[in-house]
Amino acid sequence: IADAITDRTRLVFLCTPNNPSGTCATTEELRSFLQRIPSDI
């Protein structure tokens, strides 16, 4: 998802627990993701 972000990206939806698979992202996974992407998205 982080790799898919471009200069046209304005919003990311992250469903956790995900519907319909029910799986969850961990706090550290999300923190690492948020550290990778521009802070204005």
PDB file of all heavy atoms in Angstrom:
ATOM      1  N   ILE A   1       0.838  -1.199   0.000  1.00  0.00           N
ATOM      2  CA  ILE A   1       0.000   0.000   0.000  1.00  0.00           C
ATOM      3  C   ILE A   1       0.872   1.247   0.000  1.00  0.00           C
ATOM      4  O   ILE A   1       0.618   2.213  -0.747  1.00  0.00           O
ATOM      5  CB  ILE A   1      -0.959  -0.019   1.205  1.00  0.00           C
ATOM      6  CG1 ILE A   1      -1.992  -1.141   1.043  1.00  0.00           C
ATOM      7  CG2 ILE A   1      -1.674   1.331   1.355  1.00  0.00           C
ATOM      8  CD1 ILE A   1      -2.879  -1.347   2.246  1.00  0.00           C
ATOM      9  N   ALA A   2       1.909   1.245   0.816  1.00  0.00           N
ATOM     10  CA  ALA A   2       2.827   2.388   0.842  1.00  0.00           C
ATOM     11  C   ALA A   2       3.498   2.565  -0.518  1.00  0.00           C
ATOM     12  O   ALA A   2       3.671   3.698  -1.000  1.00  0.00           O
ATOM     13  CB  ALA A   2       3.867   2.195   1.933  1.00  0.00           C
ATOM     14  N   ASP A   3       3.873   1.469  -1.155  1.00  0.00           N
ATOM     15  CA  ASP A   3       4.508   1.541  -2.472  1.00  0.00           C
ATOM     16  C   ASP A   3       3.560   2.082  -3.533  1.00  0.00           C
ATOM     17  O   ASP A   3       4.007   2.642  -4.549  1.00  0.00           O
ATOM     18  CB  ASP A   3       5.004   0.161  -2.898  1.00  0.00           C
ATOM     19  CG  ASP A   3       6.187  -0.329  -2.062  1.00  0.00           C
ATOM     20  OD1 ASP A   3       6.859   0.519  -1.440  1.00  0.00           O
ATOM     21  OD2 ASP A   3       6.407  -1.556  -2.035  1.00  0.00           O
ATOM     22  N   ALA A   4       2.253   1.900  -3.328  1.00  0.00           N
ATOM     23  CA  ALA A   4       1.260   2.320  -4.316  1.00  0.00           C
ATOM     24  C   ALA A   4       0.953   3.811  -4.254  1.00  0.00           C
ATOM     25  O   ALA A   4       0.286   4.349  -5.141  1.00  0.00           O
ATOM     26  CB  ALA A   4      -0.027   1.524  -4.126  1.00  0.00           C
ATOM     27  N   ILE A   5       1.422   4.493  -3.228  1.00  0.00           N
ATOM     28  CA  ILE A   5       1.116   5.911  -3.063  1.00  0.00           C
ATOM     29  C   ILE A   5       1.940   6.743  -4.041  1.00  0.00           C
ATOM     30  O   ILE A   5       3.138   6.518  -4.226  1.00  0.00           O
ATOM     31  CB  ILE A   5       1.365   6.329  -1.609  1.00  0.00           C
ATOM     32  CG1 ILE A   5       0.283   5.718  -0.717  1.00  0.00           C
ATOM     33  CG2 ILE A   5       1.398   7.848  -1.459  1.00  0.00           C
ATOM     34  CD1 ILE A   5       0.498   5.914   0.759  1.00  0.00           C
ATOM     35  N   THR A   6       1.270   7.712  -4.687  1.00  0.00           N
ATOM     36  CA  THR A   6       1.914   8.608  -5.640  1.00  0.00           C
ATOM     37  C   THR A   6       1.652  10.051  -5.227  1.00  0.00           C
ATOM     38  O   THR A   6       0.999  10.318  -4.205  1.00  0.00           O
ATOM     39  CB  THR A   6       1.364   8.374  -7.059  1.00  0.00           C
ATOM     40  OG1 THR A   6       0.015   8.884  -7.131  1.00  0.00           O
ATOM     41  CG2 THR A   6       1.364   6.899  -7.419  1.00  0.00           C
ATOM     42  N   ASP A   7       2.115  10.981  -6.071  1.00  0.00           N
ATOM     43  CA  ASP A   7       1.864  12.386  -5.754  1.00  0.00           C
ATOM     44  C   ASP A   7       0.411  12.782  -5.992  1.00  0.00           C
ATOM     45  O   ASP A   7       0.007  13.900  -5.665  1.00  0.00           O
ATOM     46  CB  ASP A   7       2.803  13.296  -6.556  1.00  0.00           C
ATOM     47  CG  ASP A   7       2.686  13.104  -8.068  1.00  0.00           C
ATOM     48  OD1 ASP A   7       1.843  12.291  -8.516  1.00  0.00           O
ATOM     49  OD2 ASP A   7       3.440  13.775  -8.796  1.00  0.00           O
ATOM     50  N   ARG A   8      -0.395  11.844  -6.538  1.00  0.00           N
ATOM     51  CA  ARG A   8      -1.837  12.090  -6.698  1.00  0.00           C
ATOM     52  C   ARG A   8      -2.658  11.526  -5.544  1.00  0.00           C
ATOM     53  O   ARG A   8      -3.866  11.771  -5.465  1.00  0.00           O
ATOM     54  CB  ARG A   8      -2.327  11.477  -8.014  1.00  0.00           C
ATOM     55  CG  ARG A   8      -1.770  12.149  -9.270  1.00  0.00           C
ATOM     56  CD  ARG A   8      -2.194  11.364 -10.504  1.00  0.00           C
ATOM     57  NE  ARG A   8      -3.646  11.185 -10.541  1.00  0.00           N
ATOM     58  CZ  ARG A   8      -4.258  10.147 -11.090  1.00  0.00           C
ATOM     59  NH1 ARG A   8      -3.538   9.162 -11.643  1.00  0.00           N
ATOM     60  NH2 ARG A   8      -5.569  10.063 -11.104  1.00  0.00           N
ATOM     61  N   THR A   9      -2.050  10.778  -4.652  1.00  0.00           N
ATOM     62  CA  THR A   9      -2.772  10.154  -3.545  1.00  0.00           C
ATOM     63  C   THR A   9      -3.177  11.209  -2.514  1.00  0.00           C
ATOM     64  O   THR A   9      -2.353  12.022  -2.094  1.00  0.00           O
ATOM     65  CB  THR A   9      -1.914   9.082  -2.866  1.00  0.00           C
ATOM     66  OG1 THR A   9      -1.469   8.133  -3.833  1.00  0.00           O
ATOM     67  CG2 THR A   9      -2.715   8.361  -1.787  1.00  0.00           C
ATOM     68  N   ARG A  10      -4.425  11.160  -2.105  1.00  0.00           N
ATOM     69  CA  ARG A  10      -4.921  12.087  -1.089  1.00  0.00           C
ATOM     70  C   ARG A  10      -5.470  11.371   0.141  1.00  0.00           C
ATOM     71  O   ARG A  10      -5.625  11.989   1.195  1.00  0.00           O
ATOM     72  CB  ARG A  10      -6.022  12.971  -1.688  1.00  0.00           C
ATOM     73  CG  ARG A  10      -5.559  13.873  -2.822  1.00  0.00           C
ATOM     74  CD  ARG A  10      -4.591  14.937  -2.321  1.00  0.00           C
ATOM     75  NE  ARG A  10      -4.104  15.773  -3.414  1.00  0.00           N
ATOM     76  CZ  ARG A  10      -3.005  15.512  -4.124  1.00  0.00           C
ATOM     77  NH1 ARG A  10      -2.252  14.447  -3.830  1.00  0.00           N
ATOM     78  NH2 ARG A  10      -2.630  16.304  -5.101  1.00  0.00           N
ATOM     79  N   LEU A  11      -5.795  10.079   0.018  1.00  0.00           N
ATOM     80  CA  LEU A  11      -6.466   9.383   1.108  1.00  0.00           C
ATOM     81  C   LEU A  11      -6.173   7.899   1.027  1.00  0.00           C
ATOM     82  O   LEU A  11      -6.085   7.319  -0.062  1.00  0.00           O
ATOM     83  CB  LEU A  11      -7.981   9.623   1.011  1.00  0.00           C
ATOM     84  CG  LEU A  11      -8.906   8.916   1.998  1.00  0.00           C
ATOM     85  CD1 LEU A  11      -8.610   9.336   3.438  1.00  0.00           C
ATOM     86  CD2 LEU A  11     -10.361   9.217   1.646  1.00  0.00           C
ATOM     87  N   VAL A  12      -6.041   7.286   2.206  1.00  0.00           N
ATOM     88  CA  VAL A  12      -5.884   5.833   2.317  1.00  0.00           C
ATOM     89  C   VAL A  12      -6.944   5.322   3.284  1.00  0.00           C
ATOM     90  O   VAL A  12      -7.101   5.856   4.389  1.00  0.00           O
ATOM     91  CB  VAL A  12      -4.480   5.449   2.831  1.00  0.00           C
ATOM     92  CG1 VAL A  12      -4.359   3.928   2.957  1.00  0.00           C
ATOM     93  CG2 VAL A  12      -3.389   6.005   1.924  1.00  0.00           C
ATOM     94  N   PHE A  13      -7.689   4.295   2.872  1.00  0.00           N
ATOM     95  CA  PHE A  13      -8.625   3.610   3.758  1.00  0.00           C
ATOM     96  C   PHE A  13      -7.962   2.330   4.258  1.00  0.00           C
ATOM     97  O   PHE A  13      -7.487   1.515   3.455  1.00  0.00           O
ATOM     98  CB  PHE A  13      -9.915   3.228   3.028  1.00  0.00           C
ATOM     99  CG  PHE A  13     -10.812   4.377   2.674  1.00  0.00           C
ATOM    100  CD1 PHE A  13     -11.411   4.442   1.423  1.00  0.00           C
ATOM    101  CD2 PHE A  13     -11.089   5.373   3.587  1.00  0.00           C
ATOM    102  CE1 PHE A  13     -12.260   5.475   1.081  1.00  0.00           C
ATOM    103  CE2 PHE A  13     -11.937   6.427   3.264  1.00  0.00           C
ATOM    104  CZ  PHE A  13     -12.521   6.479   2.013  1.00  0.00           C
ATOM    105  N   LEU A  14      -7.933   2.150   5.575  1.00  0.00           N
ATOM    106  CA  LEU A  14      -7.405   0.924   6.167  1.00  0.00           C
ATOM    107  C   LEU A  14      -8.443   0.374   7.140  1.00  0.00           C
ATOM    108  O   LEU A  14      -8.700   0.966   8.186  1.00  0.00           O
ATOM    109  CB  LEU A  14      -6.085   1.187   6.906  1.00  0.00           C
ATOM    110  CG  LEU A  14      -4.914   1.705   6.073  1.00  0.00           C
ATOM    111  CD1 LEU A  14      -3.712   1.967   6.982  1.00  0.00           C
ATOM    112  CD2 LEU A  14      -4.539   0.722   4.973  1.00  0.00           C
ATOM    113  N   CYS A  15      -9.044  -0.742   6.791  1.00  0.00           N
ATOM    114  CA  CYS A  15     -10.084  -1.344   7.622  1.00  0.00           C
ATOM    115  C   CYS A  15      -9.452  -2.399   8.512  1.00  0.00           C
ATOM    116  O   CYS A  15      -8.937  -3.417   8.027  1.00  0.00           O
ATOM    117  CB  CYS A  15     -11.137  -1.981   6.709  1.00  0.00           C
ATOM    118  SG  CYS A  15     -12.608  -2.584   7.555  1.00  0.00           S
ATOM    119  N   THR A  16      -9.482  -2.175   9.835  1.00  0.00           N
ATOM    120  CA  THR A  16      -8.887  -3.138  10.758  1.00  0.00           C
ATOM    121  C   THR A  16      -9.731  -3.203  12.036  1.00  0.00           C
ATOM    122  O   THR A  16      -9.882  -2.182  12.711  1.00  0.00           O
ATOM    123  CB  THR A  16      -7.409  -2.801  11.062  1.00  0.00           C
ATOM    124  OG1 THR A  16      -6.865  -3.797  11.948  1.00  0.00           O
ATOM    125  CG2 THR A  16      -7.221  -1.421  11.666  1.00  0.00           C
ATOM    126  N   PRO A  17     -10.348  -4.363  12.312  1.00  0.00           N
ATOM    127  CA  PRO A  17     -10.319  -5.600  11.551  1.00  0.00           C
ATOM    128  C   PRO A  17     -10.881  -5.401  10.147  1.00  0.00           C
ATOM    129  O   PRO A  17     -11.837  -4.660   9.960  1.00  0.00           O
ATOM    130  CB  PRO A  17     -11.206  -6.549  12.359  1.00  0.00           C
ATOM    131  CG  PRO A  17     -11.256  -5.963  13.745  1.00  0.00           C
ATOM    132  CD  PRO A  17     -11.149  -4.501  13.555  1.00  0.00           C
ATOM    133  N   ASN A  18     -10.263  -6.111   9.198  1.00  0.00           N
ATOM    134  CA  ASN A  18     -10.687  -5.951   7.817  1.00  0.00           C
ATOM    135  C   ASN A  18     -12.008  -6.681   7.584  1.00  0.00           C
ATOM    136  O   ASN A  18     -12.237  -7.766   8.105  1.00  0.00           O
ATOM    137  CB  ASN A  18      -9.618  -6.503   6.875  1.00  0.00           C
ATOM    138  CG  ASN A  18      -9.936  -6.222   5.427  1.00  0.00           C
ATOM    139  OD1 ASN A  18     -10.305  -5.105   5.078  1.00  0.00           O
ATOM    140  ND2 ASN A  18      -9.799  -7.223   4.579  1.00  0.00           N
ATOM    141  N   ASN A  19     -12.861  -6.058   6.813  1.00  0.00           N
ATOM    142  CA  ASN A  19     -14.131  -6.653   6.408  1.00  0.00           C
ATOM    143  C   ASN A  19     -14.041  -6.960   4.914  1.00  0.00           C
ATOM    144  O   ASN A  19     -13.852  -6.044   4.120  1.00  0.00           O
ATOM    145  CB  ASN A  19     -15.263  -5.660   6.682  1.00  0.00           C
ATOM    146  CG  ASN A  19     -16.613  -6.136   6.187  1.00  0.00           C
ATOM    147  OD1 ASN A  19     -16.849  -7.318   6.025  1.00  0.00           O
ATOM    148  ND2 ASN A  19     -17.507  -5.191   5.953  1.00  0.00           N
ATOM    149  N   PRO A  20     -14.090  -8.244   4.486  1.00  0.00           N
ATOM    150  CA  PRO A  20     -14.663  -9.377   5.217  1.00  0.00           C
ATOM    151  C   PRO A  20     -13.667 -10.378   5.808  1.00  0.00           C
ATOM    152  O   PRO A  20     -14.094 -11.347   6.427  1.00  0.00           O
ATOM    153  CB  PRO A  20     -15.447 -10.079   4.117  1.00  0.00           C
ATOM    154  CG  PRO A  20     -14.590  -9.898   2.895  1.00  0.00           C
ATOM    155  CD  PRO A  20     -13.987  -8.519   3.032  1.00  0.00           C
ATOM    156  N   SER A  21     -12.364 -10.207   5.618  1.00  0.00           N
ATOM    157  CA  SER A  21     -11.438 -11.262   6.033  1.00  0.00           C
ATOM    158  C   SER A  21     -11.274 -11.346   7.550  1.00  0.00           C
ATOM    159  O   SER A  21     -10.900 -12.392   8.073  1.00  0.00           O
ATOM    160  CB  SER A  21     -10.065 -11.058   5.381  1.00  0.00           C
ATOM    161  OG  SER A  21      -9.440  -9.886   5.876  1.00  0.00           O
ATOM    162  N   GLY A  22     -11.538 -10.226   8.262  1.00  0.00           N
ATOM    163  CA  GLY A  22     -11.459 -10.226   9.722  1.00  0.00           C
ATOM    164  C   GLY A  22     -10.078 -10.053  10.295  1.00  0.00           C
ATOM    165  O   GLY A  22      -9.918  -9.946  11.511  1.00  0.00           O
ATOM    166  N   THR A  23      -9.046 -10.012   9.459  1.00  0.00           N
ATOM    167  CA  THR A  23      -7.674  -9.899   9.941  1.00  0.00           C
ATOM    168  C   THR A  23      -7.366  -8.471  10.388  1.00  0.00           C
ATOM    169  O   THR A  23      -7.985  -7.509   9.916  1.00  0.00           O
ATOM    170  CB  THR A  23      -6.686 -10.328   8.852  1.00  0.00           C
ATOM    171  OG1 THR A  23      -6.961  -9.583   7.665  1.00  0.00           O
ATOM    172  CG2 THR A  23      -6.812 -11.814   8.564  1.00  0.00           C
ATOM    173  N   CYS A  24      -6.388  -8.348  11.280  1.00  0.00           N
ATOM    174  CA  CYS A  24      -6.047  -7.056  11.869  1.00  0.00           C
ATOM    175  C   CYS A  24      -4.590  -6.692  11.600  1.00  0.00           C
ATOM    176  O   CYS A  24      -3.723  -7.575  11.551  1.00  0.00           O
ATOM    177  CB  CYS A  24      -6.257  -7.076  13.385  1.00  0.00           C
ATOM    178  SG  CYS A  24      -7.958  -7.400  13.906  1.00  0.00           S
ATOM    179  N   ALA A  25      -4.343  -5.413  11.469  1.00  0.00           N
ATOM    180  CA  ALA A  25      -2.971  -4.912  11.446  1.00  0.00           C
ATOM    181  C   ALA A  25      -2.530  -4.639  12.873  1.00  0.00           C
ATOM    182  O   ALA A  25      -3.344  -4.275  13.727  1.00  0.00           O
ATOM    183  CB  ALA A  25      -2.883  -3.639  10.612  1.00  0.00           C
ATOM    184  N   THR A  26      -1.249  -4.814  13.156  1.00  0.00           N
ATOM    185  CA  THR A  26      -0.742  -4.526  14.491  1.00  0.00           C
ATOM    186  C   THR A  26      -0.393  -3.050  14.611  1.00  0.00           C
ATOM    187  O   THR A  26      -0.258  -2.330  13.614  1.00  0.00           O
ATOM    188  CB  THR A  26       0.514  -5.358  14.802  1.00  0.00           C
ATOM    189  OG1 THR A  26       1.592  -4.894  13.967  1.00  0.00           O
ATOM    190  CG2 THR A  26       0.270  -6.839  14.540  1.00  0.00           C
ATOM    191  N   THR A  27      -0.210  -2.613  15.843  1.00  0.00           N
ATOM    192  CA  THR A  27       0.171  -1.222  16.075  1.00  0.00           C
ATOM    193  C   THR A  27       1.491  -0.897  15.400  1.00  0.00           C
ATOM    194  O   THR A  27       1.632   0.146  14.737  1.00  0.00           O
ATOM    195  CB  THR A  27       0.282  -0.951  17.586  1.00  0.00           C
ATOM    196  OG1 THR A  27      -0.955  -1.289  18.229  1.00  0.00           O
ATOM    197  CG2 THR A  27       0.603   0.515  17.861  1.00  0.00           C
ATOM    198  N   GLU A  28       2.469  -1.775  15.535  1.00  0.00           N
ATOM    199  CA  GLU A  28       3.783  -1.513  14.955  1.00  0.00           C
ATOM    200  C   GLU A  28       3.748  -1.529  13.439  1.00  0.00           C
ATOM    201  O   GLU A  28       4.448  -0.747  12.780  1.00  0.00           O
ATOM    202  CB  GLU A  28       4.814  -2.518  15.490  1.00  0.00           C
ATOM    203  CG  GLU A  28       5.231  -2.231  16.927  1.00  0.00           C
ATOM    204  CD  GLU A  28       5.683  -0.789  17.119  1.00  0.00           C
ATOM    205  OE1 GLU A  28       6.488  -0.298  16.297  1.00  0.00           O
ATOM    206  OE2 GLU A  28       5.218  -0.141  18.076  1.00  0.00           O
ATOM    207  N   GLU A  29       2.935  -2.409  12.858  1.00  0.00           N
ATOM    208  CA  GLU A  29       2.801  -2.418  11.400  1.00  0.00           C
ATOM    209  C   GLU A  29       2.228  -1.099  10.903  1.00  0.00           C
ATOM    210  O   GLU A  29       2.708  -0.526   9.908  1.00  0.00           O
ATOM    211  CB  GLU A  29       1.909  -3.585  10.972  1.00  0.00           C
ATOM    212  CG  GLU A  29       2.574  -4.950  11.095  1.00  0.00           C
ATOM    213  CD  GLU A  29       1.604  -6.086  10.875  1.00  0.00           C
ATOM    214  OE1 GLU A  29       0.374  -5.879  10.999  1.00  0.00           O
ATOM    215  OE2 GLU A  29       2.068  -7.213  10.587  1.00  0.00           O
ATOM    216  N   LEU A  30       1.209  -0.618  11.588  1.00  0.00           N
ATOM    217  CA  LEU A  30       0.604   0.646  11.187  1.00  0.00           C
ATOM    218  C   LEU A  30       1.550   1.822  11.426  1.00  0.00           C
ATOM    219  O   LEU A  30       1.627   2.742  10.602  1.00  0.00           O
ATOM    220  CB  LEU A  30      -0.707   0.860  11.944  1.00  0.00           C
ATOM    221  CG  LEU A  30      -1.859  -0.056  11.523  1.00  0.00           C
ATOM    222  CD1 LEU A  30      -3.016   0.048  12.499  1.00  0.00           C
ATOM    223  CD2 LEU A  30      -2.334   0.283  10.101  1.00  0.00           C
ATOM    224  N   ARG A  31       2.274   1.780  12.515  1.00  0.00           N
ATOM    225  CA  ARG A  31       3.234   2.860  12.795  1.00  0.00           C
ATOM    226  C   ARG A  31       4.309   2.910  11.703  1.00  0.00           C
ATOM    227  O   ARG A  31       4.647   3.992  11.195  1.00  0.00           O
ATOM    228  CB  ARG A  31       3.854   2.672  14.169  1.00  0.00           C
ATOM    229  CG  ARG A  31       4.885   3.755  14.514  1.00  0.00           C
ATOM    230  CD  ARG A  31       5.395   3.625  15.931  1.00  0.00           C
ATOM    231  NE  ARG A  31       4.401   4.074  16.897  1.00  0.00           N
ATOM    232  CZ  ARG A  31       3.811   3.283  17.789  1.00  0.00           C
ATOM    233  NH1 ARG A  31       4.115   1.976  17.827  1.00  0.00           N
ATOM    234  NH2 ARG A  31       2.923   3.775  18.625  1.00  0.00           N
ATOM    235  N   SER A  32       4.829   1.771  11.333  1.00  0.00           N
ATOM    236  CA  SER A  32       5.845   1.726  10.283  1.00  0.00           C
ATOM    237  C   SER A  32       5.279   2.243   8.963  1.00  0.00           C
ATOM    238  O   SER A  32       5.961   2.966   8.219  1.00  0.00           O
ATOM    239  CB  SER A  32       6.359   0.295  10.104  1.00  0.00           C
ATOM    240  OG  SER A  32       7.018  -0.151  11.271  1.00  0.00           O
ATOM    241  N   PHE A  33       4.048   1.882   8.670  1.00  0.00           N
ATOM    242  CA  PHE A  33       3.400   2.363   7.459  1.00  0.00           C
ATOM    243  C   PHE A  33       3.264   3.885   7.485  1.00  0.00           C
ATOM    244  O   PHE A  33       3.604   4.578   6.512  1.00  0.00           O
ATOM    245  CB  PHE A  33       2.028   1.719   7.310  1.00  0.00           C
ATOM    246  CG  PHE A  33       1.157   2.345   6.264  1.00  0.00           C
ATOM    247  CD1 PHE A  33       1.342   2.049   4.929  1.00  0.00           C
ATOM    248  CD2 PHE A  33       0.162   3.247   6.614  1.00  0.00           C
ATOM    249  CE1 PHE A  33       0.549   2.637   3.956  1.00  0.00           C
ATOM    250  CE2 PHE A  33      -0.633   3.845   5.655  1.00  0.00           C
ATOM    251  CZ  PHE A  33      -0.442   3.531   4.312  1.00  0.00           C
ATOM    252  N   LEU A  34       2.770   4.415   8.596  1.00  0.00           N
ATOM    253  CA  LEU A  34       2.539   5.853   8.706  1.00  0.00           C
ATOM    254  C   LEU A  34       3.847   6.633   8.629  1.00  0.00           C
ATOM    255  O   LEU A  34       3.877   7.768   8.131  1.00  0.00           O
ATOM    256  CB  LEU A  34       1.802   6.161  10.007  1.00  0.00           C
ATOM    257  CG  LEU A  34       0.335   5.694  10.035  1.00  0.00           C
ATOM    258  CD1 LEU A  34      -0.197   5.648  11.463  1.00  0.00           C
ATOM    259  CD2 LEU A  34      -0.536   6.598   9.170  1.00  0.00           C
ATOM    260  N   GLN A  35       4.916   6.042   9.096  1.00  0.00           N
ATOM    261  CA  GLN A  35       6.215   6.697   9.012  1.00  0.00           C
ATOM    262  C   GLN A  35       6.732   6.764   7.580  1.00  0.00           C
ATOM    263  O   GLN A  35       7.564   7.615   7.261  1.00  0.00           O
ATOM    264  CB  GLN A  35       7.223   5.969   9.910  1.00  0.00           C
ATOM    265  CG  GLN A  35       6.962   6.155  11.400  1.00  0.00           C
ATOM    266  CD  GLN A  35       7.812   5.243  12.269  1.00  0.00           C
ATOM    267  OE1 GLN A  35       8.350   4.232  11.788  1.00  0.00           O
ATOM    268  NE2 GLN A  35       7.933   5.577  13.544  1.00  0.00           N
ATOM    269  N   ARG A  36       6.241   5.875   6.722  1.00  0.00           N
ATOM    270  CA  ARG A  36       6.719   5.808   5.339  1.00  0.00           C
ATOM    271  C   ARG A  36       6.023   6.801   4.417  1.00  0.00           C
ATOM    272  O   ARG A  36       6.581   7.164   3.376  1.00  0.00           O
ATOM    273  CB  ARG A  36       6.504   4.398   4.777  1.00  0.00           C
ATOM    274  CG  ARG A  36       7.488   3.349   5.242  1.00  0.00           C
ATOM    275  CD  ARG A  36       7.321   2.089   4.393  1.00  0.00           C
ATOM    276  NE  ARG A  36       7.542   2.356   2.957  1.00  0.00           N
ATOM    277  CZ  ARG A  36       7.323   1.467   1.998  1.00  0.00           C
ATOM    278  NH1 ARG A  36       6.869   0.251   2.304  1.00  0.00           N
ATOM    279  NH2 ARG A  36       7.547   1.771   0.728  1.00  0.00           N
ATOM    280  N   ILE A  37       4.818   7.204   4.733  1.00  0.00           N
ATOM    281  CA  ILE A  37       4.041   7.970   3.758  1.00  0.00           C
ATOM    282  C   ILE A  37       4.041   9.455   4.100  1.00  0.00           C
ATOM    283  O   ILE A  37       4.261   9.848   5.248  1.00  0.00           O
ATOM    284  CB  ILE A  37       2.593   7.444   3.671  1.00  0.00           C
ATOM    285  CG1 ILE A  37       1.822   7.778   4.944  1.00  0.00           C
ATOM    286  CG2 ILE A  37       2.575   5.942   3.413  1.00  0.00           C
ATOM    287  CD1 ILE A  37       0.339   7.521   4.799  1.00  0.00           C
ATOM    288  N   PRO A  38       3.810  10.321   3.113  1.00  0.00           N
ATOM    289  CA  PRO A  38       3.777  11.767   3.373  1.00  0.00           C
ATOM    290  C   PRO A  38       2.737  12.125   4.419  1.00  0.00           C
ATOM    291  O   PRO A  38       1.638  11.563   4.445  1.00  0.00           O
ATOM    292  CB  PRO A  38       3.419  12.354   2.005  1.00  0.00           C
ATOM    293  CG  PRO A  38       3.879  11.331   1.014  1.00  0.00           C
ATOM    294  CD  PRO A  38       3.653  10.002   1.679  1.00  0.00           C
ATOM    295  N   SER A  39       3.071  13.062   5.271  1.00  0.00           N
ATOM    296  CA  SER A  39       2.199  13.416   6.390  1.00  0.00           C
ATOM    297  C   SER A  39       0.972  14.223   5.971  1.00  0.00           C
ATOM    298  O   SER A  39       0.084  14.464   6.793  1.00  0.00           O
ATOM    299  CB  SER A  39       2.988  14.200   7.438  1.00  0.00           C
ATOM    300  OG  SER A  39       3.516  15.391   6.869  1.00  0.00           O
ATOM    301  N   ASP A  40       0.905  14.630   4.687  1.00  0.00           N
ATOM    302  CA  ASP A  40      -0.273  15.375   4.237  1.00  0.00           C
ATOM    303  C   ASP A  40      -1.314  14.484   3.581  1.00  0.00           C
ATOM    304  O   ASP A  40      -2.336  14.962   3.088  1.00  0.00           O
ATOM    305  CB  ASP A  40       0.128  16.512   3.292  1.00  0.00           C
ATOM    306  CG  ASP A  40       0.836  16.017   2.035  1.00  0.00           C
ATOM    307  OD1 ASP A  40       1.198  14.818   1.979  1.00  0.00           O
ATOM    308  OD2 ASP A  40       1.027  16.835   1.119  1.00  0.00           O
ATOM    309  N   ILE A  41      -1.072  13.174   3.560  1.00  0.00           N
ATOM    310  CA  ILE A  41      -2.052  12.221   3.033  1.00  0.00           C
ATOM    311  C   ILE A  41      -2.865  11.678   4.199  1.00  0.00           C
ATOM    312  O   ILE A  41      -2.319  11.102   5.145  1.00  0.00           O
ATOM    313  CB  ILE A  41      -1.358  11.076   2.279  1.00  0.00           C
ATOM    314  CG1 ILE A  41      -0.652  11.612   1.029  1.00  0.00           C
ATOM    315  CG2 ILE A  41      -2.364   9.986   1.911  1.00  0.00           C
ATOM    316  CD1 ILE A  41       0.152  10.561   0.297  1.00  0.00           C
TER     317      ILE A  41
END
